[in-house]
Amino acid sequence: IPQEILKLIPEEMARSHRIIAFAKKDNVLSLAMENPSDFEVIDFIRKKTGYNIKPYLVTTRDLDSALGNYKADIKKDFAQIIKENVAKSKVVKPEEEKSQIGKIAQDVPVVKIIDTLLEYAIAQDASDIHIEKEEEKTQIRFRIDGVMRNIIQLPKEIHEALVARIKILARLKIDETRLPQDGRFKFTLGKKNFVSLRVSIMPSFYGENVVLRILKESQRISTLNELGLQGKNLEIVKSAIEKPYGMILVTGPTGSGKTTTLYSILNILNTSRVKICTIEDPIEYSIEGIE
């Protein structure tokens, strides 16, 4: 989507109303909407932009993907955050007492950095965020489609404050830096969408490394067809899950879709006629009727 068209509607407004402008011809603005019959929103956007509105129906998944266009330049955004705030007074120095780190972790720049990281990761449909302390920098990497990708490097001086902020959100021990810790918290993106994040913190040579697993709880469970199972493969899976006994093994690397596939199968089997219990550590999604 061309940036000059995208920015006709501010990001916050687009996310709150679940809309996005994607094309313009003459005096007509094409608007993708989850609810094209919401005439109140259409009239509001018409008055704000000065263009006539042509509404189009868009799926939730495609709209979420399109909204990622607002997050086009993470390096530029972080450079601005660091220039305006972190470099001035929010750097964590080695001689600072541990008791001060919790306070620093709640300062606006650190909060903004974490929020921006989460927004970009969600916009790019990343499954994991890796925050890794190295000798001279903090490396941020996203796992997208199962592949790790370098996203940005941040000053190593703010690493402890970033980790402490995540610990606060996940209700973990701020002063514990020698042992692994696990937790979770939720992050709201707009009014309707929220994600659950599973936190894993592991001590390393240069400091604590953090992995955030992104779980989109507000997103409906995909069907087997939507996951790409078709023809003979789909028949084999359906035949297997209808049997009253036996075992199905789902294997693959991180981010390949094991959990997504299993939850799709559970959603098919989840009826009032059966009792389903899962053994998970940790539980990633909550489904009504399944323990």
C-alpha atoms as a PDB file:
ATOM      1  CA  ILE A   1       0.000   0.000   0.000  1.00  0.00           C
ATOM      2  CA  PRO A   2       1.524   3.382  -0.947  1.00  0.00           C
ATOM      3  CA  GLN A   3       2.473   5.331   2.167  1.00  0.00           C
ATOM      4  CA  GLU A   4       0.729   8.506   0.961  1.00  0.00           C
ATOM      5  CA  ILE A   5      -2.572   6.570   0.803  1.00  0.00           C
ATOM      6  CA  LEU A   6      -2.003   4.590   3.981  1.00  0.00           C
ATOM      7  CA  LYS A   7      -1.345   7.723   6.018  1.00  0.00           C
ATOM      8  CA  LEU A   8      -4.640   9.344   4.999  1.00  0.00           C
ATOM      9  CA  ILE A   9      -5.979   7.436   8.011  1.00  0.00           C
ATOM     10  CA  PRO A  10      -3.819   7.565  11.187  1.00  0.00           C
ATOM     11  CA  GLU A  11      -2.658   4.190  12.521  1.00  0.00           C
ATOM     12  CA  GLU A  12      -4.506   4.485  15.829  1.00  0.00           C
ATOM     13  CA  MET A  13      -7.758   5.263  14.033  1.00  0.00           C
ATOM     14  CA  ALA A  14      -7.260   2.409  11.553  1.00  0.00           C
ATOM     15  CA  ARG A  15      -6.649  -0.099  14.344  1.00  0.00           C
ATOM     16  CA  SER A  16      -9.512   1.081  16.550  1.00  0.00           C
ATOM     17  CA  HIS A  17     -12.074   1.067  13.705  1.00  0.00           C
ATOM     18  CA  ARG A  18     -10.537  -2.010  11.997  1.00  0.00           C
ATOM     19  CA  ILE A  19     -10.173  -0.313   8.617  1.00  0.00           C
ATOM     20  CA  ILE A  20      -7.390   0.517   6.169  1.00  0.00           C
ATOM     21  CA  ALA A  21      -7.138   2.719   3.082  1.00  0.00           C
ATOM     22  CA  PHE A  22      -5.441   0.852   0.231  1.00  0.00           C
ATOM     23  CA  ALA A  23      -6.112   2.733  -3.017  1.00  0.00           C
ATOM     24  CA  LYS A  24      -7.350   6.069  -4.381  1.00  0.00           C
ATOM     25  CA  LYS A  25      -8.663   7.052  -7.795  1.00  0.00           C
ATOM     26  CA  ASP A  26      -9.772  10.593  -8.504  1.00  0.00           C
ATOM     27  CA  ASN A  27     -11.925  11.544  -5.498  1.00  0.00           C
ATOM     28  CA  VAL A  28     -12.719   7.988  -4.382  1.00  0.00           C
ATOM     29  CA  LEU A  29     -10.848   6.313  -1.531  1.00  0.00           C
ATOM     30  CA  SER A  30     -10.965   2.493  -1.355  1.00  0.00           C
ATOM     31  CA  LEU A  31     -11.418   1.371   2.230  1.00  0.00           C
ATOM     32  CA  ALA A  32     -10.999  -2.214   3.472  1.00  0.00           C
ATOM     33  CA  MET A  33     -13.318  -2.915   6.419  1.00  0.00           C
ATOM     34  CA  GLU A  34     -14.289  -5.858   8.585  1.00  0.00           C
ATOM     35  CA  ASN A  35     -17.801  -4.421   8.581  1.00  0.00           C
ATOM     36  CA  PRO A  36     -18.504  -2.598   5.275  1.00  0.00           C
ATOM     37  CA  SER A  37     -22.050  -1.832   6.437  1.00  0.00           C
ATOM     38  CA  ASP A  38     -20.807   0.397   9.278  1.00  0.00           C
ATOM     39  CA  PHE A  39     -22.073   3.604   7.703  1.00  0.00           C
ATOM     40  CA  GLU A  40     -21.159   5.670  10.753  1.00  0.00           C
ATOM     41  CA  VAL A  41     -17.467   4.869  10.292  1.00  0.00           C
ATOM     42  CA  ILE A  42     -17.697   5.402   6.514  1.00  0.00           C
ATOM     43  CA  ASP A  43     -19.247   8.841   7.021  1.00  0.00           C
ATOM     44  CA  PHE A  44     -16.622   9.707   9.649  1.00  0.00           C
ATOM     45  CA  ILE A  45     -13.736   8.800   7.318  1.00  0.00           C
ATOM     46  CA  ARG A  46     -15.396  10.663   4.434  1.00  0.00           C
ATOM     47  CA  LYS A  47     -15.553  13.844   6.510  1.00  0.00           C
ATOM     48  CA  LYS A  48     -12.011  13.425   7.831  1.00  0.00           C
ATOM     49  CA  THR A  49     -10.328  12.724   4.491  1.00  0.00           C
ATOM     50  CA  GLY A  50     -12.584  14.726   2.171  1.00  0.00           C
ATOM     51  CA  TYR A  51     -12.882  11.772  -0.224  1.00  0.00           C
ATOM     52  CA  ASN A  52     -15.845   9.671  -1.221  1.00  0.00           C
ATOM     53  CA  ILE A  53     -15.519   6.195   0.323  1.00  0.00           C
ATOM     54  CA  LYS A  54     -15.816   2.891  -1.505  1.00  0.00           C
ATOM     55  CA  PRO A  55     -15.938   0.124   1.148  1.00  0.00           C
ATOM     56  CA  TYR A  56     -14.576  -3.400   0.652  1.00  0.00           C
ATOM     57  CA  LEU A  57     -14.962  -6.481   2.838  1.00  0.00           C
ATOM     58  CA  VAL A  58     -11.699  -7.809   4.287  1.00  0.00           C
ATOM     59  CA  THR A  59     -10.996 -10.843   6.482  1.00  0.00           C
ATOM     60  CA  THR A  60      -9.560 -10.341   9.946  1.00  0.00           C
ATOM     61  CA  ARG A  61      -6.323 -12.084   9.010  1.00  0.00           C
ATOM     62  CA  ASP A  62      -5.788 -10.003   5.863  1.00  0.00           C
ATOM     63  CA  LEU A  63      -6.598  -6.790   7.712  1.00  0.00           C
ATOM     64  CA  ASP A  64      -4.087  -7.606  10.453  1.00  0.00           C
ATOM     65  CA  SER A  65      -1.498  -8.262   7.777  1.00  0.00           C
ATOM     66  CA  ALA A  66      -2.296  -5.006   5.976  1.00  0.00           C
ATOM     67  CA  LEU A  67      -2.074  -2.996   9.198  1.00  0.00           C
ATOM     68  CA  GLY A  68       1.551  -4.111   9.341  1.00  0.00           C
ATOM     69  CA  ASN A  69       2.233  -1.529   6.604  1.00  0.00           C
ATOM     70  CA  TYR A  70       2.171   1.128   9.312  1.00  0.00           C
ATOM     71  CA  LYS A  71       5.289  -0.499  10.784  1.00  0.00           C
ATOM     72  CA  ALA A  72       7.520  -0.015   7.773  1.00  0.00           C
ATOM     73  CA  ASP A  73      10.784   1.229   9.301  1.00  0.00           C
ATOM     74  CA  ILE A  74      11.633  -0.134  12.747  1.00  0.00           C
ATOM     75  CA  LYS A  75      15.192   1.236  12.650  1.00  0.00           C
ATOM     76  CA  LYS A  76      13.959   4.785  12.077  1.00  0.00           C
ATOM     77  CA  ASP A  77      11.459   4.548  14.932  1.00  0.00           C
ATOM     78  CA  PHE A  78      14.004   3.156  17.385  1.00  0.00           C
ATOM     79  CA  ALA A  79      16.622   5.691  16.388  1.00  0.00           C
ATOM     80  CA  GLN A  80      14.117   8.422  17.235  1.00  0.00           C
ATOM     81  CA  ILE A  81      13.183   6.825  20.583  1.00  0.00           C
ATOM     82  CA  ILE A  82      16.817   6.453  21.605  1.00  0.00           C
ATOM     83  CA  LYS A  83      17.754   9.926  20.395  1.00  0.00           C
ATOM     84  CA  GLU A  84      14.899  11.606  22.262  1.00  0.00           C
ATOM     85  CA  ASN A  85      14.954   9.659  25.490  1.00  0.00           C
ATOM     86  CA  VAL A  86      17.368   6.862  26.208  1.00  0.00           C
ATOM     87  CA  ALA A  87      20.570   8.702  25.453  1.00  0.00           C
ATOM     88  CA  LYS A  88      19.632  11.477  27.837  1.00  0.00           C
ATOM     89  CA  SER A  89      19.015   9.830  31.149  1.00  0.00           C
ATOM     90  CA  LYS A  90      17.593   6.327  30.931  1.00  0.00           C
ATOM     91  CA  VAL A  91      20.826   4.354  30.557  1.00  0.00           C
ATOM     92  CA  VAL A  92      21.473   1.665  33.163  1.00  0.00           C
ATOM     93  CA  LYS A  93      25.056   1.926  34.352  1.00  0.00           C
ATOM     94  CA  PRO A  94      26.938  -1.053  35.825  1.00  0.00           C
ATOM     95  CA  GLU A  95      27.406   0.665  39.163  1.00  0.00           C
ATOM     96  CA  GLU A  96      23.679   1.225  39.670  1.00  0.00           C
ATOM     97  CA  GLU A  97      22.119  -0.715  42.482  1.00  0.00           C
ATOM     98  CA  LYS A  98      19.716  -3.528  41.616  1.00  0.00           C
ATOM     99  CA  SER A  99      17.044  -1.725  43.584  1.00  0.00           C
ATOM    100  CA  GLN A 100      17.116   1.046  40.978  1.00  0.00           C
ATOM    101  CA  ILE A 101      16.598  -1.205  37.962  1.00  0.00           C
ATOM    102  CA  GLY A 102      12.908  -1.797  38.710  1.00  0.00           C
ATOM    103  CA  LYS A 103      12.282   1.952  38.742  1.00  0.00           C
ATOM    104  CA  ILE A 104      14.242   2.498  35.526  1.00  0.00           C
ATOM    105  CA  ALA A 105      12.331  -0.351  33.869  1.00  0.00           C
ATOM    106  CA  GLN A 106       9.094   1.590  34.265  1.00  0.00           C
ATOM    107  CA  ASP A 107      10.427   4.808  32.730  1.00  0.00           C
ATOM    108  CA  VAL A 108       8.647   5.899  29.572  1.00  0.00           C
ATOM    109  CA  PRO A 109      11.489   5.197  27.062  1.00  0.00           C
ATOM    110  CA  VAL A 110      11.930   1.581  28.225  1.00  0.00           C
ATOM    111  CA  VAL A 111       8.177   1.001  28.177  1.00  0.00           C
ATOM    112  CA  LYS A 112       7.992   2.529  24.692  1.00  0.00           C
ATOM    113  CA  ILE A 113      10.832   0.336  23.397  1.00  0.00           C
ATOM    114  CA  ILE A 114       9.122  -2.863  24.585  1.00  0.00           C
ATOM    115  CA  ASP A 115       5.734  -1.758  23.232  1.00  0.00           C
ATOM    116  CA  THR A 116       7.269  -0.855  19.864  1.00  0.00           C
ATOM    117  CA  LEU A 117       9.060  -4.210  19.654  1.00  0.00           C
ATOM    118  CA  LEU A 118       5.804  -6.044  20.305  1.00  0.00           C
ATOM    119  CA  GLU A 119       3.883  -3.959  17.761  1.00  0.00           C
ATOM    120  CA  TYR A 120       6.462  -4.612  15.033  1.00  0.00           C
ATOM    121  CA  ALA A 121       6.658  -8.336  15.820  1.00  0.00           C
ATOM    122  CA  ILE A 122       2.884  -8.706  15.663  1.00  0.00           C
ATOM    123  CA  ALA A 123       2.702  -6.645  12.461  1.00  0.00           C
ATOM    124  CA  GLN A 124       5.279  -8.930  10.819  1.00  0.00           C
ATOM    125  CA  ASP A 125       3.499 -12.051  12.081  1.00  0.00           C
ATOM    126  CA  ALA A 126       6.550 -13.174  14.070  1.00  0.00           C
ATOM    127  CA  SER A 127       6.185 -16.193  16.331  1.00  0.00           C
ATOM    128  CA  ASP A 128       9.032 -15.222  18.688  1.00  0.00           C
ATOM    129  CA  ILE A 129      11.060 -12.208  19.787  1.00  0.00           C
ATOM    130  CA  HIS A 130      14.651 -12.851  20.910  1.00  0.00           C
ATOM    131  CA  ILE A 131      16.445 -10.222  23.011  1.00  0.00           C
ATOM    132  CA  GLU A 132      20.096 -11.274  23.233  1.00  0.00           C
ATOM    133  CA  LYS A 133      22.897  -9.596  25.185  1.00  0.00           C
ATOM    134  CA  GLU A 134      26.218  -9.545  23.339  1.00  0.00           C
ATOM    135  CA  GLU A 135      29.578  -8.009  24.246  1.00  0.00           C
ATOM    136  CA  GLU A 136      28.998  -4.628  22.610  1.00  0.00           C
ATOM    137  CA  LYS A 137      25.255  -4.556  21.872  1.00  0.00           C
ATOM    138  CA  THR A 138      21.796  -5.985  22.461  1.00  0.00           C
ATOM    139  CA  GLN A 139      20.623  -7.898  19.393  1.00  0.00           C
ATOM    140  CA  ILE A 140      16.902  -8.097  18.631  1.00  0.00           C
ATOM    141  CA  ARG A 141      15.773 -10.957  16.385  1.00  0.00           C
ATOM    142  CA  PHE A 142      12.336 -12.127  15.232  1.00  0.00           C
ATOM    143  CA  ARG A 143      11.419 -15.648  14.182  1.00  0.00           C
ATOM    144  CA  ILE A 144       9.240 -15.330  11.068  1.00  0.00           C
ATOM    145  CA  ASP A 145       8.028 -18.418   9.208  1.00  0.00           C
ATOM    146  CA  GLY A 146      10.389 -20.498  11.321  1.00  0.00           C
ATOM    147  CA  VAL A 147      13.497 -18.502  10.341  1.00  0.00           C
ATOM    148  CA  MET A 148      15.444 -16.192  12.673  1.00  0.00           C
ATOM    149  CA  ARG A 149      15.934 -12.681  11.299  1.00  0.00           C
ATOM    150  CA  ASN A 150      18.085  -9.865  12.655  1.00  0.00           C
ATOM    151  CA  ILE A 151      15.854  -6.834  13.223  1.00  0.00           C
ATOM    152  CA  ILE A 152      17.815  -4.173  15.082  1.00  0.00           C
ATOM    153  CA  GLN A 153      20.713  -3.594  17.462  1.00  0.00           C
ATOM    154  CA  LEU A 154      20.184  -1.544  20.630  1.00  0.00           C
ATOM    155  CA  PRO A 155      22.744  -0.035  23.038  1.00  0.00           C
ATOM    156  CA  LYS A 156      23.939  -2.664  25.517  1.00  0.00           C
ATOM    157  CA  GLU A 157      23.511  -0.162  28.366  1.00  0.00           C
ATOM    158  CA  ILE A 158      19.710  -0.461  28.294  1.00  0.00           C
ATOM    159  CA  HIS A 159      19.626  -4.269  28.239  1.00  0.00           C
ATOM    160  CA  GLU A 160      19.100  -4.737  31.992  1.00  0.00           C
ATOM    161  CA  ALA A 161      16.245  -2.235  32.004  1.00  0.00           C
ATOM    162  CA  LEU A 162      14.546  -4.013  29.084  1.00  0.00           C
ATOM    163  CA  VAL A 163      14.818  -7.379  30.829  1.00  0.00           C
ATOM    164  CA  ALA A 164      13.550  -5.876  34.083  1.00  0.00           C
ATOM    165  CA  ARG A 165      10.542  -4.356  32.286  1.00  0.00           C
ATOM    166  CA  ILE A 166       9.636  -7.761  30.849  1.00  0.00           C
ATOM    167  CA  LYS A 167      10.062  -9.359  34.277  1.00  0.00           C
ATOM    168  CA  ILE A 168       7.684  -6.805  35.779  1.00  0.00           C
ATOM    169  CA  LEU A 169       5.066  -7.504  33.102  1.00  0.00           C
ATOM    170  CA  ALA A 170       5.410 -11.269  33.613  1.00  0.00           C
ATOM    171  CA  ARG A 171       5.533 -10.953  37.426  1.00  0.00           C
ATOM    172  CA  LEU A 172       8.956 -12.542  37.701  1.00  0.00           C
ATOM    173  CA  LYS A 173      11.740 -11.820  40.196  1.00  0.00           C
ATOM    174  CA  ILE A 174      13.664  -8.719  39.137  1.00  0.00           C
ATOM    175  CA  ASP A 175      16.630  -9.432  41.405  1.00  0.00           C
ATOM    176  CA  GLU A 176      17.068 -13.031  40.212  1.00  0.00           C
ATOM    177  CA  THR A 177      19.650 -13.045  37.414  1.00  0.00           C
ATOM    178  CA  ARG A 178      21.393 -16.411  37.820  1.00  0.00           C
ATOM    179  CA  LEU A 179      18.509 -18.829  37.298  1.00  0.00           C
ATOM    180  CA  PRO A 180      16.134 -19.379  34.352  1.00  0.00           C
ATOM    181  CA  GLN A 181      12.622 -17.941  34.771  1.00  0.00           C
ATOM    182  CA  ASP A 182       9.361 -18.492  32.890  1.00  0.00           C
ATOM    183  CA  GLY A 183       6.155 -16.448  32.902  1.00  0.00           C
ATOM    184  CA  ARG A 184       3.542 -14.843  30.695  1.00  0.00           C
ATOM    185  CA  PHE A 185       1.613 -11.607  30.187  1.00  0.00           C
ATOM    186  CA  LYS A 186      -0.892 -10.078  27.764  1.00  0.00           C
ATOM    187  CA  PHE A 187      -0.426  -7.188  25.361  1.00  0.00           C
ATOM    188  CA  THR A 188      -3.303  -5.237  23.838  1.00  0.00           C
ATOM    189  CA  LEU A 189      -3.047  -3.983  20.266  1.00  0.00           C
ATOM    190  CA  GLY A 190      -5.986  -1.708  19.539  1.00  0.00           C
ATOM    191  CA  LYS A 191      -9.406  -2.206  21.122  1.00  0.00           C
ATOM    192  CA  LYS A 192     -10.214  -5.713  19.897  1.00  0.00           C
ATOM    193  CA  ASN A 193      -6.921  -7.535  19.408  1.00  0.00           C
ATOM    194  CA  PHE A 194      -4.721  -8.841  22.170  1.00  0.00           C
ATOM    195  CA  VAL A 195      -1.951 -11.399  22.353  1.00  0.00           C
ATOM    196  CA  SER A 196      -0.594 -13.549  25.128  1.00  0.00           C
ATOM    197  CA  LEU A 197       3.169 -13.680  25.442  1.00  0.00           C
ATOM    198  CA  ARG A 198       5.073 -16.546  26.998  1.00  0.00           C
ATOM    199  CA  VAL A 199       8.340 -15.390  28.553  1.00  0.00           C
ATOM    200  CA  SER A 200      11.520 -17.438  28.906  1.00  0.00           C
ATOM    201  CA  ILE A 201      14.568 -15.821  30.518  1.00  0.00           C
ATOM    202  CA  MET A 202      17.909 -17.612  30.452  1.00  0.00           C
ATOM    203  CA  PRO A 203      21.262 -16.465  31.930  1.00  0.00           C
ATOM    204  CA  SER A 204      24.099 -16.316  29.387  1.00  0.00           C
ATOM    205  CA  PHE A 205      27.765 -15.283  29.251  1.00  0.00           C
ATOM    206  CA  TYR A 206      27.075 -11.553  28.864  1.00  0.00           C
ATOM    207  CA  GLY A 207      23.764 -11.335  30.744  1.00  0.00           C
ATOM    208  CA  GLU A 208      20.196 -12.558  30.614  1.00  0.00           C
ATOM    209  CA  ASN A 209      18.643 -13.432  27.259  1.00  0.00           C
ATOM    210  CA  VAL A 210      14.876 -13.238  26.718  1.00  0.00           C
ATOM    211  CA  VAL A 211      12.582 -15.129  24.359  1.00  0.00           C
ATOM    212  CA  LEU A 212       8.981 -13.951  23.957  1.00  0.00           C
ATOM    213  CA  ARG A 213       6.617 -16.434  22.269  1.00  0.00           C
ATOM    214  CA  ILE A 214       3.646 -14.606  20.708  1.00  0.00           C
ATOM    215  CA  LEU A 215       0.277 -16.353  21.057  1.00  0.00           C
ATOM    216  CA  LYS A 216      -2.633 -14.631  19.286  1.00  0.00           C
ATOM    217  CA  GLU A 217      -5.481 -15.484  21.630  1.00  0.00           C
ATOM    218  CA  SER A 218      -8.028 -13.207  19.959  1.00  0.00           C
ATOM    219  CA  GLN A 219      -7.513 -14.957  16.617  1.00  0.00           C
ATOM    220  CA  ARG A 220      -9.906 -17.795  15.844  1.00  0.00           C
ATOM    221  CA  ILE A 221      -8.548 -21.314  15.424  1.00  0.00           C
ATOM    222  CA  SER A 222      -7.777 -22.155  11.802  1.00  0.00           C
ATOM    223  CA  THR A 223      -9.351 -25.113  10.022  1.00  0.00           C
ATOM    224  CA  LEU A 224      -7.220 -27.904   8.582  1.00  0.00           C
ATOM    225  CA  ASN A 225      -8.028 -26.625   5.074  1.00  0.00           C
ATOM    226  CA  GLU A 226      -6.783 -23.152   5.987  1.00  0.00           C
ATOM    227  CA  LEU A 227      -3.542 -24.704   7.235  1.00  0.00           C
ATOM    228  CA  GLY A 228      -2.960 -26.166   3.782  1.00  0.00           C
ATOM    229  CA  LEU A 229      -4.084 -29.757   4.267  1.00  0.00           C
ATOM    230  CA  GLN A 230      -5.859 -30.932   1.121  1.00  0.00           C
ATOM    231  CA  GLY A 231      -6.736 -34.056  -0.838  1.00  0.00           C
ATOM    232  CA  LYS A 232      -5.191 -37.310   0.324  1.00  0.00           C
ATOM    233  CA  ASN A 233      -3.334 -35.709   3.253  1.00  0.00           C
ATOM    234  CA  LEU A 234      -6.532 -34.207   4.621  1.00  0.00           C
ATOM    235  CA  GLU A 235      -8.322 -37.560   4.313  1.00  0.00           C
ATOM    236  CA  ILE A 236      -5.540 -39.329   6.222  1.00  0.00           C
ATOM    237  CA  VAL A 237      -5.659 -36.825   9.100  1.00  0.00           C
ATOM    238  CA  LYS A 238      -9.464 -36.868   9.334  1.00  0.00           C
ATOM    239  CA  SER A 239      -9.477 -40.670   9.317  1.00  0.00           C
ATOM    240  CA  ALA A 240      -6.882 -40.759  12.099  1.00  0.00           C
ATOM    241  CA  ILE A 241      -8.644 -38.308  14.409  1.00  0.00           C
ATOM    242  CA  GLU A 242     -11.960 -40.153  14.074  1.00  0.00           C
ATOM    243  CA  LYS A 243     -10.496 -43.361  15.493  1.00  0.00           C
ATOM    244  CA  PRO A 244     -11.328 -44.075  19.172  1.00  0.00           C
ATOM    245  CA  TYR A 245      -7.757 -45.069  20.034  1.00  0.00           C
ATOM    246  CA  GLY A 246      -4.173 -44.675  18.881  1.00  0.00           C
ATOM    247  CA  MET A 247      -1.631 -41.874  18.661  1.00  0.00           C
ATOM    248  CA  ILE A 248      -0.896 -39.007  16.282  1.00  0.00           C
ATOM    249  CA  LEU A 249       2.619 -37.511  16.337  1.00  0.00           C
ATOM    250  CA  VAL A 250       3.044 -33.931  15.147  1.00  0.00           C
ATOM    251  CA  THR A 251       6.714 -33.038  14.726  1.00  0.00           C
ATOM    252  CA  GLY A 252       8.732 -30.170  13.322  1.00  0.00           C
ATOM    253  CA  PRO A 253      11.042 -27.257  14.214  1.00  0.00           C
ATOM    254  CA  THR A 254      10.058 -24.190  16.229  1.00  0.00           C
ATOM    255  CA  GLY A 255       7.456 -22.074  14.459  1.00  0.00           C
ATOM    256  CA  SER A 256       6.505 -24.738  11.929  1.00  0.00           C
ATOM    257  CA  GLY A 257       2.891 -24.969  13.139  1.00  0.00           C
ATOM    258  CA  LYS A 258       2.786 -27.983  15.482  1.00  0.00           C
ATOM    259  CA  THR A 259       0.650 -26.311  18.140  1.00  0.00           C
ATOM    260  CA  THR A 260      -1.584 -24.619  15.558  1.00  0.00           C
ATOM    261  CA  THR A 261      -2.240 -27.979  13.890  1.00  0.00           C
ATOM    262  CA  LEU A 262      -3.000 -29.720  17.180  1.00  0.00           C
ATOM    263  CA  TYR A 263      -5.422 -27.010  18.272  1.00  0.00           C
ATOM    264  CA  SER A 264      -7.196 -27.249  14.917  1.00  0.00           C
ATOM    265  CA  ILE A 265      -7.669 -30.984  15.509  1.00  0.00           C
ATOM    266  CA  LEU A 266      -8.823 -30.412  19.078  1.00  0.00           C
ATOM    267  CA  ASN A 267     -11.360 -27.873  17.836  1.00  0.00           C
ATOM    268  CA  ILE A 268     -12.828 -30.526  15.516  1.00  0.00           C
ATOM    269  CA  LEU A 269     -13.031 -33.119  18.293  1.00  0.00           C
ATOM    270  CA  ASN A 270     -14.433 -30.676  20.858  1.00  0.00           C
ATOM    271  CA  THR A 271     -18.146 -31.533  21.083  1.00  0.00           C
ATOM    272  CA  SER A 272     -20.560 -32.090  23.958  1.00  0.00           C
ATOM    273  CA  ARG A 273     -20.328 -35.858  23.408  1.00  0.00           C
ATOM    274  CA  VAL A 274     -16.674 -36.180  24.414  1.00  0.00           C
ATOM    275  CA  LYS A 275     -14.439 -35.276  27.340  1.00  0.00           C
ATOM    276  CA  ILE A 276     -11.072 -33.758  26.406  1.00  0.00           C
ATOM    277  CA  CYS A 277      -8.121 -33.124  28.713  1.00  0.00           C
ATOM    278  CA  THR A 278      -4.727 -31.915  27.501  1.00  0.00           C
ATOM    279  CA  ILE A 279      -1.313 -32.197  29.159  1.00  0.00           C
ATOM    280  CA  GLU A 280       0.615 -29.045  28.274  1.00  0.00           C
ATOM    281  CA  ASP A 281       3.492 -27.165  29.854  1.00  0.00           C
ATOM    282  CA  PRO A 282       2.705 -24.367  29.494  1.00  0.00           C
ATOM    283  CA  ILE A 283      -0.884 -24.154  28.228  1.00  0.00           C
ATOM    284  CA  GLU A 284      -0.768 -21.926  25.131  1.00  0.00           C
ATOM    285  CA  TYR A 285      -4.458 -21.378  24.310  1.00  0.00           C
ATOM    286  CA  SER A 286      -7.670 -21.638  26.273  1.00  0.00           C
ATOM    287  CA  ILE A 287     -10.535 -23.433  24.502  1.00  0.00           C
ATOM    288  CA  GLU A 288     -13.984 -23.645  26.085  1.00  0.00           C
ATOM    289  CA  GLY A 289     -14.879 -27.243  26.902  1.00  0.00           C
ATOM    290  CA  ILE A 290     -11.284 -28.480  27.058  1.00  0.00           C
ATOM    291  CA  GLU A 291      -9.348 -28.877  30.301  1.00  0.00           C
END
